[in-house]
Amino acid sequence: MRIDILSVVPELLDSPLSYSIVGRAIKKGLVEIHVHNIRKHGIGPRQTVDDYCYGGDAGMVMMVEPVFKMINELTAERHYDEIIYMSPDGEQLTQGISNELSLKENIIILCGHYKGIDERIREHLITREISVGDYVVSGGEIPAALLADSIVRLIPGALTDETSALSDSFQDGLVSPPVYTRPAEFNGWKVPDVLLSGNPRLIQDWQMQQAVERTRRLRPYLLDEQSE
């Protein structure tokens, strides 16, 4: 799998993509992640990538030409399954979306900055818009790193125990049940007896009950979606 991330501040992506699961997946050759500086195609001697809003609104807007040239350069080399724009008003990222994207071969992720990007980019170049929540951050770099992480960890071989991802929150439409490790008792706080019973059937039943109860309390809409 190959992920190309387009940014005007590529340095923000150095650390998130170099360590832990993503970093190991890159070293194993399971995924290629290339970060591109859009300023490469900036306008004029200062490599300008932004300009004032038409209409007089406050804030600067990413210009269409540098982004077009950057995407055109990449798509001339290979086919991309998705060209994604990280946008606060895109479809909200879910585990299902990450599962779907993990099966793709080549993806471009465009990081917005300033007031946003020229609407013509969204109309003519972007195939999908994804949001990490109903809030605004300074740029799309952190959301892009979050999306990349959620995808890469699902690639076979990225996790030491591949079955671990199958029990993550939201994989089965539920919040994960509570988890515990040693010691069995600390400061008077005990691990539930059922988890120490050694009975797989009882443990699975308890985990399912806990997952449903937690989902009802924390994400009730997930249960509503399953009942539709």
Protein backbone atom coordinates (compact mmCIF):
# COMPACT_ATOMS: atom_id res chain seq x y z
CA MET A 1 0.00 0.00 0.00
CA ARG A 2 1.12 3.55 -0.72
CA ILE A 3 -0.11 6.72 0.98
CA ASP A 4 0.93 10.14 -0.32
CA ILE A 5 0.24 13.07 2.02
CA LEU A 6 0.24 16.63 0.66
CA SER A 7 1.00 19.43 3.10
CA VAL A 8 2.27 22.99 3.37
CA VAL A 9 3.90 22.11 6.72
CA PRO A 10 5.28 18.59 6.14
CA GLU A 11 7.49 18.77 9.24
CA LEU A 12 4.38 18.29 11.37
CA LEU A 13 4.15 14.72 10.08
CA ASP A 14 7.70 13.60 10.81
CA SER A 15 7.15 12.14 14.28
CA PRO A 16 3.67 10.57 13.94
CA LEU A 17 4.75 8.61 10.87
CA SER A 18 8.17 7.51 12.09
CA TYR A 19 7.46 5.55 15.26
CA SER A 20 5.30 2.83 16.80
CA ILE A 21 3.07 0.69 14.56
CA VAL A 22 3.23 3.00 11.52
CA GLY A 23 7.00 3.31 11.68
CA ARG A 24 7.44 -0.45 12.01
CA ALA A 25 5.05 -1.12 9.12
CA ILE A 26 7.12 1.19 6.92
CA LYS A 27 10.36 -0.56 7.91
CA LYS A 28 8.77 -3.96 7.16
CA GLY A 29 7.83 -2.75 3.69
CA LEU A 30 4.12 -3.19 4.34
CA VAL A 31 3.31 0.40 3.44
CA GLU A 32 4.99 3.36 1.77
CA ILE A 33 4.15 6.80 3.12
CA HIS A 34 5.45 9.79 1.20
CA VAL A 35 4.95 13.35 2.46
CA HIS A 36 5.07 16.07 -0.19
CA ASN A 37 5.54 19.78 0.32
CA ILE A 38 2.96 21.63 -1.77
CA ARG A 39 5.28 24.65 -1.79
CA LYS A 40 7.27 22.75 -4.41
CA HIS A 41 4.69 24.10 -6.84
CA GLY A 42 4.18 27.44 -5.09
CA ILE A 43 3.79 30.61 -7.14
CA GLY A 44 6.70 33.01 -7.67
CA PRO A 45 10.06 33.31 -5.93
CA ARG A 46 8.47 32.98 -2.49
CA GLN A 47 6.65 29.78 -3.53
CA THR A 48 3.32 31.23 -2.42
CA VAL A 49 0.54 28.70 -1.82
CA ASP A 50 -2.19 30.92 -0.36
CA ASP A 51 -4.05 34.11 -1.20
CA TYR A 52 -6.88 36.32 0.08
CA CYS A 53 -10.52 35.19 -0.08
CA TYR A 54 -12.69 36.45 -2.89
CA GLY A 55 -15.62 38.22 -1.27
CA GLY A 56 -13.55 39.81 1.46
CA ASP A 57 -13.82 37.15 4.18
CA ALA A 58 -11.06 37.00 6.80
CA GLY A 59 -8.29 34.42 6.46
CA MET A 60 -6.15 33.05 3.64
CA VAL A 61 -7.11 30.27 1.23
CA MET A 62 -4.90 27.57 -0.31
CA MET A 63 -4.60 28.32 -4.02
CA VAL A 64 -5.83 25.91 -6.66
CA GLU A 65 -2.74 25.90 -8.91
CA PRO A 66 -0.08 24.48 -6.52
CA VAL A 67 -2.43 21.73 -5.33
CA PHE A 68 -3.48 20.88 -8.89
CA LYS A 69 0.15 20.60 -10.01
CA MET A 70 1.06 18.42 -7.01
CA ILE A 71 -1.84 16.02 -7.55
CA ASN A 72 -1.30 15.98 -11.32
CA GLU A 73 2.35 15.07 -10.81
CA LEU A 74 1.43 12.09 -8.65
CA THR A 75 -1.50 10.83 -10.71
CA ALA A 76 0.70 10.90 -13.84
CA GLU A 77 2.87 8.23 -12.17
CA ARG A 78 0.16 5.84 -10.89
CA HIS A 79 -3.55 5.34 -10.36
CA TYR A 80 -4.97 6.43 -7.00
CA ASP A 81 -8.03 4.74 -5.54
CA GLU A 82 -8.93 7.81 -3.48
CA ILE A 83 -7.86 11.45 -3.26
CA ILE A 84 -8.96 12.42 0.24
CA TYR A 85 -9.29 15.90 1.69
CA MET A 86 -9.18 16.17 5.49
CA SER A 87 -12.06 18.55 6.13
CA PRO A 88 -14.06 19.39 9.29
CA ASP A 89 -17.26 19.09 7.27
CA GLY A 90 -16.44 15.78 5.58
CA GLU A 91 -17.93 12.39 6.49
CA GLN A 92 -16.92 11.53 10.02
CA LEU A 93 -14.16 8.93 10.27
CA THR A 94 -15.36 5.54 11.51
CA GLN A 95 -13.74 2.16 11.92
CA GLY A 96 -15.67 1.02 8.87
CA ILE A 97 -14.06 3.71 6.73
CA SER A 98 -10.60 2.74 7.99
CA ASN A 99 -11.34 -0.92 7.23
CA GLU A 100 -12.42 0.03 3.70
CA LEU A 101 -9.39 2.24 3.02
CA SER A 102 -6.96 -0.38 4.34
CA LEU A 103 -7.89 -2.52 1.31
CA LYS A 104 -6.92 0.18 -1.18
CA GLU A 105 -3.63 0.21 -3.05
CA ASN A 106 -2.81 3.92 -3.46
CA ILE A 107 -4.27 6.88 -1.56
CA ILE A 108 -3.59 10.62 -1.61
CA ILE A 109 -4.43 12.63 1.53
CA LEU A 110 -4.57 16.40 1.18
CA CYS A 111 -4.05 18.46 4.33
CA GLY A 112 -5.92 21.74 4.39
CA HIS A 113 -4.46 24.82 6.01
CA TYR A 114 -5.31 28.46 6.65
CA LYS A 115 -9.03 29.13 5.97
CA GLY A 116 -9.24 26.04 3.77
CA ILE A 117 -8.70 25.16 0.12
CA ASP A 118 -10.09 26.74 -3.04
CA GLU A 119 -13.49 25.11 -3.63
CA ARG A 120 -12.51 24.15 -7.17
CA ILE A 121 -10.06 21.62 -5.74
CA ARG A 122 -12.91 19.98 -3.87
CA GLU A 123 -15.17 20.05 -6.91
CA HIS A 124 -12.76 18.67 -9.50
CA LEU A 125 -9.92 16.78 -7.79
CA ILE A 126 -11.11 15.34 -4.48
CA THR A 127 -12.92 11.99 -4.46
CA ARG A 128 -13.68 11.84 -0.74
CA GLU A 129 -13.73 14.20 2.26
CA ILE A 130 -13.13 12.89 5.76
CA SER A 131 -13.45 14.62 9.14
CA VAL A 132 -12.07 13.51 12.50
CA GLY A 133 -14.73 15.44 14.40
CA ASP A 134 -16.92 18.50 14.53
CA TYR A 135 -14.16 20.92 15.47
CA VAL A 136 -11.42 22.88 13.74
CA VAL A 137 -7.65 22.51 14.16
CA SER A 138 -4.84 24.58 12.66
CA GLY A 139 -4.29 22.27 9.71
CA GLY A 140 -5.03 18.85 8.27
CA GLU A 141 -1.67 17.32 9.19
CA ILE A 142 -2.70 15.85 12.55
CA PRO A 143 -6.00 14.52 11.16
CA ALA A 144 -4.08 13.04 8.19
CA ALA A 145 -1.65 11.30 10.55
CA LEU A 146 -4.61 9.98 12.54
CA LEU A 147 -6.27 8.63 9.39
CA ALA A 148 -3.03 7.04 8.18
CA ASP A 149 -2.48 5.38 11.57
CA SER A 150 -6.01 3.98 11.65
CA ILE A 151 -5.48 2.49 8.17
CA VAL A 152 -1.94 1.13 8.54
CA ARG A 153 -2.59 -0.79 11.76
CA LEU A 154 -5.15 -2.86 9.83
CA ILE A 155 -2.68 -4.00 7.17
CA PRO A 156 -1.78 -7.68 7.75
CA GLY A 157 1.56 -7.89 9.53
CA ALA A 158 1.46 -4.35 10.97
CA LEU A 159 0.41 -5.61 14.41
CA THR A 160 2.42 -8.25 16.25
CA ASP A 161 -0.82 -10.08 16.99
CA GLU A 162 -3.07 -9.64 13.97
CA THR A 163 -6.13 -10.81 15.91
CA SER A 164 -5.77 -7.81 18.23
CA ALA A 165 -7.35 -5.45 15.68
CA LEU A 166 -10.40 -7.70 15.43
CA SER A 167 -11.31 -6.96 19.06
CA ASP A 168 -10.79 -3.20 18.87
CA SER A 169 -13.62 -0.83 19.67
CA PHE A 170 -16.15 -0.43 16.84
CA GLN A 171 -14.94 -3.43 14.78
CA ASP A 172 -18.17 -5.25 15.66
CA GLY A 173 -20.23 -2.10 16.03
CA LEU A 174 -19.71 -1.98 19.81
CA VAL A 175 -17.41 -0.25 22.26
CA SER A 176 -14.77 -2.62 23.63
CA PRO A 177 -15.32 -4.19 27.06
CA PRO A 178 -12.99 -3.34 29.98
CA VAL A 179 -9.55 -4.98 29.98
CA TYR A 180 -7.25 -5.89 32.88
CA THR A 181 -3.77 -7.25 33.45
CA ARG A 182 -1.62 -8.35 36.40
CA PRO A 183 -1.70 -8.07 39.36
CA ALA A 184 -5.12 -9.59 40.00
CA GLU A 185 -5.50 -7.27 43.00
CA PHE A 186 -4.00 -3.85 43.59
CA ASN A 187 -4.82 -1.40 46.35
CA GLY A 188 -7.90 -3.48 47.09
CA TRP A 189 -9.10 -3.19 43.49
CA LYS A 190 -9.80 -6.63 42.05
CA VAL A 191 -10.02 -8.05 38.58
CA PRO A 192 -13.52 -9.53 37.97
CA ASP A 193 -13.58 -13.18 39.00
CA VAL A 194 -14.95 -14.31 35.64
CA LEU A 195 -11.73 -13.24 33.89
CA LEU A 196 -9.74 -15.46 36.23
CA SER A 197 -12.08 -18.43 35.82
CA GLY A 198 -10.37 -19.94 32.79
CA ASN A 199 -13.79 -20.60 31.25
CA PRO A 200 -13.79 -19.17 27.69
CA ARG A 201 -17.57 -19.34 27.32
CA LEU A 202 -18.22 -17.41 30.53
CA ILE A 203 -15.52 -14.87 29.65
CA GLN A 204 -16.95 -14.25 26.17
CA ASP A 205 -20.46 -13.86 27.54
CA TRP A 206 -19.21 -11.38 30.15
CA GLN A 207 -17.24 -9.41 27.56
CA MET A 208 -20.24 -9.17 25.25
CA GLN A 209 -22.49 -8.03 28.10
CA GLN A 210 -19.97 -5.39 29.12
CA ALA A 211 -19.52 -4.21 25.52
CA VAL A 212 -23.27 -3.79 25.04
CA GLU A 213 -23.66 -1.97 28.36
CA ARG A 214 -20.77 0.37 27.60
CA THR A 215 -22.08 1.04 24.11
CA ARG A 216 -25.54 1.83 25.49
CA ARG A 217 -23.97 4.30 27.91
CA LEU A 218 -21.28 5.87 25.70
CA ARG A 219 -22.43 5.41 22.07
CA PRO A 220 -26.15 4.56 22.14
CA TYR A 221 -26.57 5.49 18.47
CA LEU A 222 -24.48 2.44 17.51
CA LEU A 223 -27.13 0.15 18.98
CA ASP A 224 -29.82 2.10 17.17
CA GLU A 225 -27.97 1.62 13.88
CA GLN A 226 -27.75 -2.15 14.43
CA SER A 227 -31.49 -2.39 15.07
CA GLU A 228 -32.42 -0.59 11.83
